[in-house]
Amino acid sequence: MGQSSQKVAAVTAFPLFTVGSLPKKDRNASVQTVFFRWEILRRYFFSAPLKEIQKEPIKFVLFLTGGVEHELLQLATDISGPFVLIAHPGYNSLPAAM
């Protein structure tokens, strides 16, 4: 019997914009921590600057901390959506995203 060949679909990583009430240095460390803990984020997303996010048809936004709802509201006035909001279990990320 011959061995059947299986095609493996290429996985595309999407740019992800992060919002959080952290200094830039701490924000980068926080992004890495969240990516380390949540394999799905690490596998399908990469942190990108706003300039790169603007080009995308769907904008993915990761809430690193709470209290940053205003950042998303400002973002939504500057660029058009749709937006996909992503939260993680820590630092009041979920309430901010809701």
Protein backbone atom coordinates (compact mmCIF):
# COMPACT_ATOMS: atom_id res chain seq x y z
CA MET A 1 0.00 0.00 0.00
CA GLY A 2 1.22 3.44 -0.86
CA GLN A 3 1.65 6.08 1.73
CA SER A 4 -0.78 8.96 1.30
CA SER A 5 0.67 12.44 1.43
CA GLN A 6 -0.96 14.95 3.69
CA LYS A 7 -0.83 18.66 3.07
CA VAL A 8 -0.08 20.82 6.04
CA ALA A 9 -1.63 24.26 5.94
CA ALA A 10 0.71 27.13 6.56
CA VAL A 11 -0.12 29.10 9.68
CA THR A 12 -0.18 32.85 9.38
CA ALA A 13 0.69 35.05 12.33
CA PHE A 14 -1.35 38.21 12.72
CA PRO A 15 -0.12 41.54 14.08
CA LEU A 16 -1.44 42.34 17.54
CA PHE A 17 -1.57 45.78 19.15
CA THR A 18 -1.24 45.93 22.93
CA VAL A 19 -2.76 48.39 25.37
CA GLY A 20 -1.80 48.58 29.02
CA SER A 21 -0.95 50.97 31.81
CA LEU A 22 2.71 50.05 31.88
CA PRO A 23 5.92 51.85 30.90
CA LYS A 24 7.25 50.70 27.49
CA LYS A 25 9.98 48.53 29.02
CA ASP A 26 7.52 46.80 31.34
CA ARG A 27 4.93 46.51 28.56
CA ASN A 28 7.36 44.54 26.39
CA ALA A 29 8.13 42.20 29.30
CA SER A 30 4.41 41.79 30.01
CA VAL A 31 3.70 40.92 26.36
CA GLN A 32 6.40 38.26 26.47
CA THR A 33 4.98 36.83 29.71
CA VAL A 34 1.45 36.65 28.30
CA PHE A 35 2.74 35.06 25.08
CA PHE A 36 4.74 32.53 27.11
CA ARG A 37 1.71 31.53 29.18
CA TRP A 38 -0.78 31.41 26.33
CA GLU A 39 0.52 29.30 23.47
CA ILE A 40 -2.34 30.26 21.14
CA LEU A 41 -1.21 33.90 21.29
CA ARG A 42 2.42 32.96 20.70
CA ARG A 43 1.46 30.74 17.80
CA TYR A 44 -0.91 33.01 15.89
CA PHE A 45 0.05 36.58 16.83
CA PHE A 46 3.02 38.88 17.13
CA SER A 47 3.24 42.23 18.83
CA ALA A 48 3.28 45.05 16.28
CA PRO A 49 3.28 48.84 16.25
CA LEU A 50 0.11 50.78 15.47
CA LYS A 51 1.41 51.70 12.01
CA GLU A 52 1.36 48.02 11.04
CA ILE A 53 -2.02 47.35 12.65
CA GLN A 54 -3.65 50.17 10.65
CA LYS A 55 -3.06 48.29 7.39
CA GLU A 56 -4.94 45.19 8.57
CA PRO A 57 -8.59 44.56 7.69
CA ILE A 58 -9.24 43.29 11.25
CA LYS A 59 -7.40 44.86 14.18
CA PHE A 60 -6.44 42.53 17.04
CA VAL A 61 -5.97 44.30 20.39
CA LEU A 62 -4.54 42.63 23.51
CA PHE A 63 -5.39 44.21 26.88
CA LEU A 64 -2.38 43.76 29.15
CA THR A 65 -3.92 45.54 32.15
CA GLY A 66 -7.12 47.12 33.30
CA GLY A 67 -7.95 50.79 33.27
CA VAL A 68 -7.03 51.33 29.64
CA GLU A 69 -10.45 51.41 28.04
CA HIS A 70 -9.73 54.98 26.97
CA GLU A 71 -6.81 53.75 24.85
CA LEU A 72 -9.13 51.55 22.82
CA LEU A 73 -11.70 54.33 22.48
CA GLN A 74 -8.97 56.67 21.20
CA LEU A 75 -7.71 53.98 18.84
CA ALA A 76 -11.24 53.49 17.49
CA THR A 77 -11.53 57.20 16.71
CA ASP A 78 -8.15 57.23 14.94
CA ILE A 79 -8.55 54.12 12.78
CA SER A 80 -11.53 52.15 11.56
CA GLY A 81 -12.36 48.65 12.79
CA PRO A 82 -13.46 46.00 13.14
CA PHE A 83 -11.54 45.20 16.31
CA VAL A 84 -11.08 41.86 18.02
CA LEU A 85 -10.44 42.40 21.72
CA ILE A 86 -8.30 39.84 23.52
CA ALA A 87 -7.99 39.55 27.29
CA HIS A 88 -6.04 37.25 29.60
CA PRO A 89 -6.82 36.19 33.18
CA GLY A 90 -4.54 38.64 34.98
CA TYR A 91 -4.18 42.33 35.82
CA ASN A 92 -7.86 43.22 35.20
CA SER A 93 -7.42 42.62 31.49
CA LEU A 94 -10.90 41.14 31.02
CA PRO A 95 -12.88 43.98 32.64
CA ALA A 96 -11.00 46.50 30.51
CA ALA A 97 -11.76 44.58 27.33
CA MET A 98 -15.43 44.28 28.19
